[in-house]
Amino acid sequence: MRQKRINPVGTMWTPRFSLSRSRIQIEQRLKRIRAPLFKLMHMHLPWFECPVCGYRGPFKPKRTRLHAKCPRCGELERTRLQTLVLDRILSDFEPRHKCILHIAPEPNLKIRFQKIFDTYVSADLRRRDVDCQFDVQSIPFPNATFDFVFASHVLEYPEDDRRAIREFRRILVAGGVAILPVPLMHERTVDLDERDPVSRVCHEPGLDYFKRMRAEFTEVTLYRSNDFMGRFQPYILNSDKFMRVPSLRVEKSRYVDIVPVCRA
């Protein structure tokens, strides 16, 4: 689909050095070559299905997390869950003739969004392989510019995250959708006095974090790992970080993740 352009306020459109679709596809082909070998060598492990690329077979571990990574596309639990949520949302949302803003774009989702949305805009604070560089606390687009916003694990970084949430709401049309997942680190959100020197986050979200989204959006629906079939393996297994959030545990060493879908 030919992409239309939307200019930020007071600027000319200045696309960065984009990671081309062909380069992404080459990297994916290389992973597809390795995936059958991994499957052959690990036939004894449980089999799963990746909703991102369609692979069926055992998944790779990621540090201490079991069955975390798809050996074909390389996506992890959170992207599989987000893909399942997207499938459900887009079944009732017509993306043709619509505009999407994709913050900190993931390569596989970028390809998907470019195929189905009439206008695709990628952005990041520092990355150069995007269309625009800006701070989400001050988004340089007019009110009601976009129909859809996708920003995964972004809101923990800006100092004023509430302002960033308001900005996402401001640029959405009435009835627009924003999918804004955050890493759940505690039962209750911790706002740091200073940016963490290692992780660079200013906020460590807890289960109460979604109240900040509900304060700005008309409706916020929370989708959990156990809302979907286990064959997609959308759970976090054996994670040291998730042990800090016992409310997310559904079984021993098995935790659900949450994806918030916000409607303007």
Foldseek 3Di string as FASTA:
>chain_A
DDADDDDFPPDDFDFFQAPDLVNLVVVLVVLQVVQVVVQVVPVVDDWFAQPLPGDIGAACADVQWHSFARSRNGHGLQVSLVSVVCVVVVVVPQQEVFEEEEEPDDSSVQVVSVVRHRHYFYEYQDDRNGRYHDDLLDGRHAFQQGQEYEYEQDLQADLPSLSSLLSVLRNHHAFGKYKYHHDAQAQAKDQAPDQDPPVNGRIRHHPCVCVSNVVRFPDKDKDKPVVDDCSNVSWTAQDPRCVRPVVQDPDVRTGMGIIIMGTD
